[in-house]
Amino acid sequence: MIKNLMKKTIIAAGIANCLMMTSTAFGANWLMLQGTEPDDAAPRAKLWGFIQTQYQKDNSDPNGAGEYIAPKLINANLTAQEQFNVNRARIGVRGTGFPLDGKVNYFFLAEFGSNAITLANGGNPRITDASITLNQIPGARIRTGLFKTPGPEEGLQAIHVFDYINFTTVANQLMLERFPNTQYTGNNANPTLPIETPINGFNKPVGAFRDVGIQVFDTFRKGPWEHSYAVMLGNGNGLNFGDNDGNKDLYLYWASEKVYGGKKGRRQGTKLFVWSQTGKRLLDQTNDGTFNPEEFDRKRMGFGFKHLKKPYRVSFEYMSGEGMIFVGPNRPTFVINPTNAATTNAGNGANGKADGWYLDGGWYIPGSKWEIDARYDVYNRLTDATPFPGGPNAGRTFEMQFKTTTLGAQYHINKKTRINMEVSKRDFSAPDFPTGAGPNANLDGVDTRYAVQLTHIF
């Protein structure tokens, strides 16, 4: 498998390199912003980072037994419906070897906040980025180490300029990967408040849209259009250093953007992009006391556009996936109900399918520091679920639909500090089941969520 992946990587990189040889790379995008520094101009070491503090409140109701599922609790520790949190506190250093060599740069970042990255590490800080980029080859920059993978815009962009507080459901469940535990771990029961037993059954940090590997990438300009590509080969093990199964993930990315002006993370333009991710994962689904994992495919793909020309912003993205579909932080088996779903595939995410999309719009109020945001996102989980063959649920499946409408506002205090405010109305259901039955016994009651967040970049 590795040989085939390497062959695909070399071919793709070769094609892209031929396209680049006659072009000059300049401008800025997420690949370039996060992976490169200006030749012979960047400092040897630039200290930087950001802090995000927030307050969130969830108005969801428990099920009939007084129990709460994860969407009714506040991330990342899932212990309450209302809380203050320092959800991100990241500090890093980046720069070049200038004056030794301006064509070699590095990027380092560590997380100190309370989130799904650090909680799995006992609440201790964790490295999120550690990479080196070689810029000697025209049209084929080489980046190696731990860094963001080419993928959806919601994950690839810098989180400190993200226009919302919470991710869309499709990005959170389909792309923010949760990795299988080393050995079989049974599902946790839904808790009641106050929560004594942790609801999260996974003992590894989320992937945070990152992987350890090597990437060939670059950007070139044709008139007002800027084209970018990336080909990456990674361990498929997220923030965890090393490879746990000997397989490799292949990441492919292409973007074309008509640039209107601006710079860095707030550059204005119309961008079209497409991406794919393919790999394998090991998962032990058998509770027999022995380590006997199976190998499952993990495939993700997506495409979309983003238009930003002040005072308006519009973006759309579609994503789909097959294999290793996350079905809840309390279900490390990736199966909704092992008793009746593992064999019938009625609720088995290990080999299931899912898709979703979002539409986002924004308006920068002229002559003010205010920005108004609106977003609608849909996630369809286990779209290929097999109907139950008999019994009271005959003909029904565990397919679920998650629909969220988010209205928000941002107040830009200055270029480095802003306040986000948002309210999200959520409609979660299992369409094949009546109200109060099956999964809807827990999904009923998912309601409005309020959030306020202060971001400061330094």
Protein backbone atom coordinates (compact mmCIF):
# COMPACT_ATOMS: atom_id res chain seq x y z
CA MET A 1 0.00 0.00 0.00
CA ILE A 2 2.77 2.43 0.91
CA LYS A 3 4.43 1.80 -2.44
CA ASN A 4 1.22 2.66 -4.29
CA LEU A 5 0.69 5.80 -2.20
CA MET A 6 4.25 6.94 -2.83
CA LYS A 7 3.77 6.38 -6.56
CA LYS A 8 0.60 8.51 -6.55
CA THR A 9 2.35 11.20 -4.54
CA ILE A 10 5.34 11.37 -6.89
CA ILE A 11 3.12 11.49 -10.00
CA ALA A 12 0.88 14.21 -8.57
CA ALA A 13 3.85 16.25 -7.37
CA GLY A 14 5.55 15.88 -10.75
CA ILE A 15 2.50 17.13 -12.63
CA ALA A 16 2.13 20.07 -10.26
CA ASN A 17 5.84 20.86 -10.52
CA CYS A 18 5.65 21.02 -14.31
CA LEU A 19 2.80 23.52 -13.99
CA MET A 20 4.79 25.65 -11.58
CA MET A 21 8.13 25.90 -13.37
CA THR A 22 7.05 28.86 -15.49
CA SER A 23 5.29 30.73 -12.68
CA THR A 24 6.28 32.95 -9.80
CA ALA A 25 4.83 32.23 -6.36
CA PHE A 26 3.59 35.20 -4.41
CA GLY A 27 0.52 36.31 -2.46
CA ALA A 28 -0.90 34.56 0.60
CA ASN A 29 -3.18 31.64 1.38
CA TRP A 30 -3.43 29.10 4.20
CA LEU A 31 -0.81 26.79 2.72
CA MET A 32 1.63 29.66 2.36
CA LEU A 33 0.72 31.53 5.54
CA GLN A 34 1.22 28.50 7.77
CA GLY A 35 4.04 26.79 5.91
CA THR A 36 6.38 29.51 4.64
CA GLU A 37 8.17 32.73 5.54
CA PRO A 38 9.41 35.54 3.24
CA ASP A 39 12.86 34.66 1.87
CA ASP A 40 15.66 36.58 3.61
CA ALA A 41 13.13 38.88 5.30
CA ALA A 42 11.55 36.92 8.15
CA PRO A 43 13.09 37.09 11.64
CA ARG A 44 15.10 34.21 12.98
CA ALA A 45 12.53 33.72 15.75
CA LYS A 46 9.16 35.45 16.02
CA LEU A 47 7.19 34.74 19.19
CA TRP A 48 3.43 34.72 18.59
CA GLY A 49 0.19 33.18 19.79
CA PHE A 50 -3.38 33.86 20.81
CA ILE A 51 -5.84 33.37 23.66
CA GLN A 52 -9.57 32.64 23.41
CA THR A 53 -11.83 32.80 26.43
CA GLN A 54 -15.52 31.99 26.18
CA TYR A 55 -18.87 31.48 27.84
CA GLN A 56 -21.43 29.00 26.52
CA LYS A 57 -24.91 28.02 27.65
CA ASP A 58 -27.03 25.15 26.30
CA ASN A 59 -30.81 25.15 26.74
CA SER A 60 -31.36 21.50 25.79
CA ASP A 61 -33.57 19.21 27.87
CA PRO A 62 -32.56 15.73 29.10
CA ASN A 63 -34.29 12.56 27.96
CA GLY A 64 -37.12 10.98 29.96
CA ALA A 65 -34.63 9.38 32.37
CA GLY A 66 -32.88 12.67 33.08
CA GLU A 67 -29.83 11.73 30.96
CA TYR A 68 -27.80 13.97 28.66
CA ILE A 69 -26.11 13.18 25.36
CA ALA A 70 -23.02 15.09 24.20
CA PRO A 71 -24.84 17.69 22.01
CA LYS A 72 -26.69 18.83 25.14
CA LEU A 73 -23.46 19.53 27.06
CA ILE A 74 -20.65 22.05 26.58
CA ASN A 75 -17.35 20.96 25.01
CA ALA A 76 -14.77 19.87 25.71
CA ASN A 77 -15.14 18.14 29.09
CA LEU A 78 -18.91 17.61 28.61
CA THR A 79 -19.76 17.98 32.30
CA ALA A 80 -22.19 20.92 32.31
CA GLN A 81 -24.66 22.91 30.24
CA GLU A 82 -23.17 26.26 31.18
CA GLN A 83 -19.57 27.25 31.72
CA PHE A 84 -16.73 29.72 31.29
CA ASN A 85 -13.57 28.36 29.72
CA VAL A 86 -10.14 29.24 28.39
CA ASN A 87 -10.78 27.09 25.36
CA ARG A 88 -7.58 27.96 23.52
CA ALA A 89 -4.25 29.39 24.69
CA ARG A 90 -1.57 28.78 22.12
CA ILE A 91 1.98 30.09 21.99
CA GLY A 92 4.56 29.43 19.34
CA VAL A 93 7.62 30.59 17.50
CA ARG A 94 8.30 30.73 13.78
CA GLY A 95 11.00 32.08 11.50
CA THR A 96 13.87 31.27 9.14
CA GLY A 97 17.54 30.45 9.36
CA PHE A 98 18.33 33.92 8.02
CA PRO A 99 21.10 35.02 7.58
CA LEU A 100 22.31 31.42 7.40
CA ASP A 101 19.65 30.34 4.89
CA GLY A 102 16.43 32.27 4.19
CA LYS A 103 14.98 29.37 2.19
CA VAL A 104 14.55 27.18 5.27
CA ASN A 105 11.80 28.07 7.74
CA TYR A 106 10.11 26.47 10.73
CA PHE A 107 6.78 26.63 12.57
CA PHE A 108 6.18 25.58 16.18
CA LEU A 109 3.00 25.89 18.25
CA ALA A 110 1.79 24.44 21.56
CA GLU A 111 -1.69 24.36 23.14
CA PHE A 112 -2.26 25.26 26.81
CA GLY A 113 -6.06 25.73 26.76
CA SER A 114 -8.80 23.37 27.93
CA ASN A 115 -10.11 21.46 24.92
CA ALA A 116 -10.20 18.05 23.26
CA ILE A 117 -6.48 18.33 22.48
CA THR A 118 -5.26 18.73 26.04
CA LEU A 119 -7.93 16.91 28.07
CA ALA A 120 -6.86 13.55 26.61
CA ASN A 121 -3.35 14.44 27.78
CA GLY A 122 -4.44 14.84 31.40
CA GLY A 123 -4.98 18.56 30.88
CA ASN A 124 -1.28 19.09 30.14
CA PRO A 125 0.00 21.26 27.26
CA ARG A 126 0.49 19.52 23.95
CA ILE A 127 2.43 20.31 20.78
CA THR A 128 0.08 20.97 17.86
CA ASP A 129 2.58 22.05 15.20
CA ALA A 130 6.26 21.36 14.65
CA SER A 131 7.40 21.58 11.06
CA ILE A 132 10.28 22.55 8.77
CA THR A 133 9.79 23.86 5.22
CA LEU A 134 12.44 23.70 2.49
CA ASN A 135 11.90 26.31 -0.26
CA GLN A 136 14.83 25.52 -2.55
CA ILE A 137 12.90 23.82 -5.40
CA PRO A 138 10.87 26.24 -7.58
CA GLY A 139 7.24 25.11 -7.62
CA ALA A 140 7.73 22.33 -5.09
CA ARG A 141 8.23 23.47 -1.52
CA ILE A 142 8.69 20.60 0.91
CA ARG A 143 7.21 20.68 4.41
CA THR A 144 7.77 17.90 6.93
CA GLY A 145 6.75 17.34 10.54
CA LEU A 146 3.45 17.91 12.37
CA PHE A 147 1.10 20.42 10.74
CA LYS A 148 -2.40 21.00 9.37
CA THR A 149 -3.41 18.62 6.61
CA PRO A 150 -4.77 19.81 3.25
CA GLY A 151 -8.53 19.58 3.60
CA PRO A 152 -11.72 21.51 4.31
CA GLU A 153 -11.54 25.29 4.61
CA GLU A 154 -13.04 25.13 8.09
CA GLY A 155 -10.10 23.08 9.32
CA LEU A 156 -7.29 24.46 7.20
CA GLN A 157 -7.85 28.11 8.05
CA ALA A 158 -6.34 29.70 11.15
CA ILE A 159 -8.72 29.25 14.07
CA HIS A 160 -8.02 32.71 15.51
CA VAL A 161 -9.61 34.35 12.44
CA PHE A 162 -12.50 31.85 12.24
CA ASP A 163 -15.78 33.76 11.95
CA TYR A 164 -17.67 31.53 14.42
CA ILE A 165 -17.15 30.07 17.87
CA ASN A 166 -18.29 26.50 17.19
CA PHE A 167 -17.55 24.35 14.16
CA THR A 168 -20.31 23.14 11.88
CA THR A 169 -21.62 19.68 12.79
CA VAL A 170 -20.27 18.17 9.58
CA ALA A 171 -16.75 19.47 10.29
CA ASN A 172 -16.94 18.51 13.97
CA GLN A 173 -18.14 14.95 13.44
CA LEU A 174 -16.82 14.03 10.00
CA MET A 175 -13.46 15.83 9.85
CA LEU A 176 -12.36 16.52 13.45
CA GLU A 177 -11.18 12.94 13.80
CA ARG A 178 -11.45 10.82 16.95
CA PHE A 179 -8.99 7.94 16.89
CA PRO A 180 -9.81 4.39 18.03
CA ASN A 181 -8.53 3.26 21.39
CA THR A 182 -5.71 0.75 21.28
CA GLN A 183 -7.95 -2.04 22.56
CA TYR A 184 -11.69 -2.57 22.74
CA THR A 185 -13.45 -0.08 25.01
CA GLY A 186 -17.17 -0.43 25.60
CA ASN A 187 -19.68 2.36 25.13
CA ASN A 188 -20.44 4.66 28.06
CA ALA A 189 -23.98 5.20 29.25
CA ASN A 190 -25.53 8.66 28.93
CA PRO A 191 -24.99 10.48 32.24
CA THR A 192 -27.24 12.55 34.46
CA LEU A 193 -26.25 15.85 36.04
CA PRO A 194 -24.07 16.28 37.98
CA ILE A 195 -21.78 14.10 35.86
CA GLU A 196 -19.48 11.80 37.80
CA THR A 197 -18.24 9.48 35.05
CA PRO A 198 -16.51 11.06 32.03
CA ILE A 199 -18.71 10.78 28.95
CA ASN A 200 -15.74 10.69 26.58
CA GLY A 201 -14.71 7.10 25.84
CA PHE A 202 -11.72 7.98 23.66
CA ASN A 203 -8.29 8.12 25.29
CA LYS A 204 -6.45 9.95 22.50
CA PRO A 205 -6.70 13.64 21.54
CA VAL A 206 -8.75 14.72 18.53
CA GLY A 207 -6.84 14.97 15.29
CA ALA A 208 -7.22 18.79 15.26
CA PHE A 209 -7.07 18.62 11.42
CA ARG A 210 -3.37 17.67 11.71
CA ASP A 211 -1.00 14.81 10.95
CA VAL A 212 2.71 13.98 10.93
CA GLY A 213 4.14 13.56 7.46
CA ILE A 214 5.67 15.20 4.39
CA GLN A 215 4.00 17.63 1.99
CA VAL A 216 4.90 19.02 -1.42
CA PHE A 217 3.10 22.30 -2.15
CA ASP A 218 3.31 25.73 -3.74
CA THR A 219 1.38 28.66 -5.18
CA PHE A 220 1.65 30.36 -8.55
CA ARG A 221 -0.01 33.34 -10.21
CA LYS A 222 -1.71 33.72 -13.60
CA GLY A 223 -3.02 37.24 -13.98
CA PRO A 224 -5.51 37.99 -11.19
CA TRP A 225 -5.76 34.27 -10.35
CA GLU A 226 -3.64 32.47 -7.78
CA HIS A 227 -3.45 28.67 -7.92
CA SER A 228 -2.29 26.43 -5.07
CA TYR A 229 -1.69 22.72 -4.73
CA ALA A 230 -0.63 20.32 -1.98
CA VAL A 231 0.20 16.63 -1.92
CA MET A 232 0.84 15.14 1.50
CA LEU A 233 1.70 11.68 2.81
CA GLY A 234 1.07 11.23 6.55
CA ASN A 235 0.91 8.65 9.32
CA GLY A 236 -2.86 9.00 9.70
CA ASN A 237 -2.39 9.24 13.47
CA GLY A 238 -3.29 12.87 14.18
CA LEU A 239 -1.29 14.68 16.85
CA ASN A 240 0.27 11.42 17.99
CA PHE A 241 3.90 11.13 16.96
CA GLY A 242 4.79 7.90 15.20
CA ASP A 243 2.74 5.49 13.11
CA ASN A 244 0.49 3.04 14.95
CA ASP A 245 -0.39 0.71 12.05
CA GLY A 246 2.16 1.00 9.24
CA ASN A 247 -0.39 2.50 6.84
CA LYS A 248 -0.12 5.98 5.33
CA ASP A 249 -2.77 8.58 4.51
CA LEU A 250 -2.74 10.44 1.20
CA TYR A 251 -3.97 14.07 1.14
CA LEU A 252 -4.61 15.98 -2.09
CA TYR A 253 -5.63 19.64 -2.43
CA TRP A 254 -6.16 22.23 -5.15
CA ALA A 255 -7.40 25.82 -4.91
CA SER A 256 -7.79 28.63 -7.45
CA GLU A 257 -8.49 32.12 -6.20
CA LYS A 258 -9.20 35.39 -7.97
CA VAL A 259 -7.50 37.94 -5.72
CA TYR A 260 -9.06 41.37 -5.18
CA GLY A 261 -6.73 42.76 -2.52
CA GLY A 262 -5.88 42.67 1.16
CA LYS A 263 -3.36 40.37 2.77
CA LYS A 264 -2.82 37.39 5.05
CA GLY A 265 -5.87 35.83 6.73
CA ARG A 266 -8.21 38.63 5.69
CA ARG A 267 -7.25 38.76 2.04
CA GLN A 268 -10.19 39.40 -0.28
CA GLY A 269 -10.94 37.15 -3.22
CA THR A 270 -13.08 34.38 -4.68
CA LYS A 271 -11.61 30.93 -4.04
CA LEU A 272 -12.64 27.57 -5.49
CA PHE A 273 -11.16 24.46 -3.90
CA VAL A 274 -11.33 20.66 -3.89
CA TRP A 275 -9.63 18.10 -1.64
CA SER A 276 -9.51 14.42 -0.71
CA GLN A 277 -8.10 12.26 2.09
CA THR A 278 -7.69 8.46 2.00
CA GLY A 279 -6.22 6.07 4.53
CA LYS A 280 -6.88 3.15 6.88
CA ARG A 281 -7.51 2.74 10.61
CA LEU A 282 -7.24 -0.18 13.05
CA LEU A 283 -10.25 -0.77 15.33
CA ASP A 284 -10.86 -3.58 17.82
CA GLN A 285 -14.63 -4.13 17.84
CA THR A 286 -14.64 -7.49 19.60
CA ASN A 287 -15.07 -7.60 23.37
CA ASP A 288 -13.27 -10.92 23.82
CA GLY A 289 -10.36 -9.88 26.04
CA THR A 290 -7.80 -10.13 23.23
CA PHE A 291 -6.30 -7.52 20.92
CA ASN A 292 -7.73 -8.42 17.55
CA PRO A 293 -8.23 -5.24 15.51
CA GLU A 294 -9.75 -5.03 12.06
CA GLU A 295 -8.62 -2.68 9.31
CA PHE A 296 -11.15 -0.15 8.01
CA ASP A 297 -10.89 2.33 5.15
CA ARG A 298 -11.23 6.03 5.93
CA LYS A 299 -12.13 8.23 2.96
CA ARG A 300 -13.02 11.90 2.95
CA MET A 301 -13.54 14.39 0.13
CA GLY A 302 -15.01 17.82 -0.40
CA PHE A 303 -15.25 20.92 -2.52
CA GLY A 304 -16.47 24.47 -2.12
CA PHE A 305 -15.92 28.17 -2.63
CA LYS A 306 -15.34 31.25 -0.54
CA HIS A 307 -16.03 34.80 -1.69
CA LEU A 308 -14.86 37.79 0.33
CA LYS A 309 -15.15 41.28 -1.07
CA LYS A 310 -16.09 43.77 1.57
CA PRO A 311 -18.65 44.46 2.79
CA TYR A 312 -19.87 40.91 1.93
CA ARG A 313 -18.71 37.35 2.53
CA VAL A 314 -20.25 34.13 1.17
CA SER A 315 -18.93 30.57 1.41
CA PHE A 316 -20.18 27.06 0.72
CA GLU A 317 -18.61 23.64 1.22
CA TYR A 318 -19.76 20.06 0.71
CA MET A 319 -18.06 17.12 2.44
CA SER A 320 -18.59 13.37 2.33
CA GLY A 321 -16.99 10.41 4.04
CA GLU A 322 -16.86 6.65 4.13
CA GLY A 323 -15.53 4.57 7.01
CA MET A 324 -14.67 5.52 10.60
CA ILE A 325 -17.79 7.67 11.01
CA PHE A 326 -17.80 9.12 14.53
CA VAL A 327 -21.11 8.42 16.34
CA GLY A 328 -20.44 10.02 19.72
CA PRO A 329 -17.71 10.64 22.31
CA ASN A 330 -19.25 7.97 24.54
CA ARG A 331 -19.07 5.34 21.76
CA PRO A 332 -15.41 4.38 21.12
CA THR A 333 -16.69 1.24 19.36
CA PHE A 334 -17.93 3.53 16.53
CA VAL A 335 -21.22 1.62 16.88
CA ILE A 336 -24.42 3.18 18.22
CA ASN A 337 -25.69 -0.05 19.80
CA PRO A 338 -23.32 -3.05 19.63
CA THR A 339 -26.11 -5.47 20.55
CA ASN A 340 -28.29 -4.94 17.49
CA ALA A 341 -26.25 -2.80 15.12
CA ALA A 342 -22.78 -4.29 14.73
CA THR A 343 -23.90 -7.21 12.57
CA THR A 344 -26.79 -5.59 10.71
CA ASN A 345 -24.87 -2.36 9.97
CA ALA A 346 -27.90 -0.47 11.21
CA GLY A 347 -25.67 1.85 13.22
CA ASN A 348 -22.06 0.88 12.56
CA GLY A 349 -19.91 3.88 11.76
CA ALA A 350 -16.73 1.86 11.20
CA ASN A 351 -17.80 1.12 7.63
CA GLY A 352 -20.64 3.63 7.29
CA LYS A 353 -21.12 6.70 5.09
CA ALA A 354 -22.01 10.31 5.78
CA ASP A 355 -22.17 13.68 4.06
CA GLY A 356 -23.03 17.29 4.78
CA TRP A 357 -22.64 20.89 3.78
CA TYR A 358 -22.81 24.46 5.02
CA LEU A 359 -23.69 27.87 3.59
CA ASP A 360 -22.22 30.90 5.32
CA GLY A 361 -22.69 34.64 4.81
CA GLY A 362 -21.33 37.77 6.42
CA TRP A 363 -21.76 41.55 6.22
CA TYR A 364 -19.16 44.03 7.41
CA ILE A 365 -21.22 47.06 8.41
CA PRO A 366 -19.61 50.00 6.58
CA GLY A 367 -18.07 52.68 8.78
CA SER A 368 -18.21 50.50 11.91
CA LYS A 369 -16.31 47.74 13.70
CA TRP A 370 -19.29 45.37 13.49
CA GLU A 371 -19.71 42.26 11.37
CA ILE A 372 -22.96 40.26 11.06
CA ASP A 373 -22.78 36.50 10.37
CA ALA A 374 -25.29 33.81 9.40
CA ARG A 375 -24.66 30.11 8.74
CA TYR A 376 -26.77 27.04 7.99
CA ASP A 377 -25.20 23.59 8.15
CA VAL A 378 -26.52 20.07 7.56
CA TYR A 379 -24.94 16.73 8.44
CA ASN A 380 -26.40 13.37 7.34
CA ARG A 381 -24.84 10.52 9.31
CA LEU A 382 -24.94 6.79 8.44
CA THR A 383 -26.69 7.42 5.14
CA ASP A 384 -26.11 3.81 4.05
CA ALA A 385 -27.37 2.23 7.31
CA THR A 386 -29.09 -1.12 6.80
CA PRO A 387 -32.75 -1.32 7.93
CA PHE A 388 -33.52 -3.56 10.89
CA PRO A 389 -34.66 -6.94 9.47
CA GLY A 390 -37.43 -7.53 12.01
CA GLY A 391 -38.93 -6.70 15.37
CA PRO A 392 -40.51 -3.38 16.41
CA ASN A 393 -37.90 -1.41 14.42
CA ALA A 394 -38.29 -3.41 11.20
CA GLY A 395 -37.46 -1.27 8.16
CA ARG A 396 -35.94 1.53 10.22
CA THR A 397 -32.33 2.68 10.18
CA PHE A 398 -30.05 4.65 12.46
CA GLU A 399 -29.52 7.38 9.86
CA MET A 400 -29.51 10.76 11.58
CA GLN A 401 -29.83 14.34 10.39
CA PHE A 402 -28.30 17.32 12.14
CA LYS A 403 -29.44 20.79 11.06
CA THR A 404 -28.15 23.99 12.65
CA THR A 405 -28.90 27.66 12.01
CA THR A 406 -26.38 30.05 13.55
CA LEU A 407 -26.71 33.82 13.80
CA GLY A 408 -23.75 35.78 15.04
CA ALA A 409 -22.01 39.11 15.33
CA GLN A 410 -18.39 40.16 15.69
CA TYR A 411 -17.06 43.39 17.16
CA HIS A 412 -13.49 44.14 16.13
CA ILE A 413 -12.00 46.11 19.02
CA ASN A 414 -8.76 46.42 17.07
CA LYS A 415 -6.78 44.39 14.54
CA LYS A 416 -5.71 41.93 17.23
CA THR A 417 -8.78 41.74 19.49
CA ARG A 418 -12.42 40.89 18.75
CA ILE A 419 -15.57 39.61 20.40
CA ASN A 420 -17.74 36.89 18.83
CA MET A 421 -21.38 36.43 19.84
CA GLU A 422 -23.60 33.72 18.40
CA VAL A 423 -26.82 31.80 18.93
CA SER A 424 -27.43 28.40 17.33
CA LYS A 425 -30.83 26.81 16.80
CA ARG A 426 -30.45 23.06 16.33
CA ASP A 427 -32.77 20.39 14.93
CA PHE A 428 -31.37 16.88 15.42
CA SER A 429 -33.38 13.74 14.58
CA ALA A 430 -33.43 10.16 13.31
CA PRO A 431 -35.98 10.45 10.44
CA ASP A 432 -36.96 6.76 10.44
CA PHE A 433 -38.09 6.86 14.08
CA PRO A 434 -41.10 8.65 15.56
CA THR A 435 -40.69 11.29 18.23
CA GLY A 436 -39.55 9.81 21.53
CA ALA A 437 -38.57 6.46 20.04
CA GLY A 438 -35.15 4.96 19.31
CA PRO A 439 -32.42 7.60 18.90
CA ASN A 440 -35.03 10.35 19.08
CA ALA A 441 -35.53 9.56 22.75
CA ASN A 442 -32.16 11.28 23.21
CA LEU A 443 -32.15 13.68 20.24
CA ASP A 444 -35.50 15.17 21.24
CA GLY A 445 -34.82 18.17 23.43
CA VAL A 446 -31.66 19.35 21.66
CA ASP A 447 -32.24 23.09 21.65
CA THR A 448 -30.66 26.53 21.39
CA ARG A 449 -27.04 27.21 22.34
CA TYR A 450 -25.59 30.63 23.18
CA ALA A 451 -21.89 31.51 23.06
CA VAL A 452 -19.64 34.52 23.56
CA GLN A 453 -15.91 34.48 22.88
CA LEU A 454 -13.07 36.99 23.24
CA THR A 455 -10.00 36.50 21.04
CA HIS A 456 -6.67 38.29 21.39
CA ILE A 457 -3.68 37.68 19.12
CA PHE A 458 -0.15 38.58 20.19
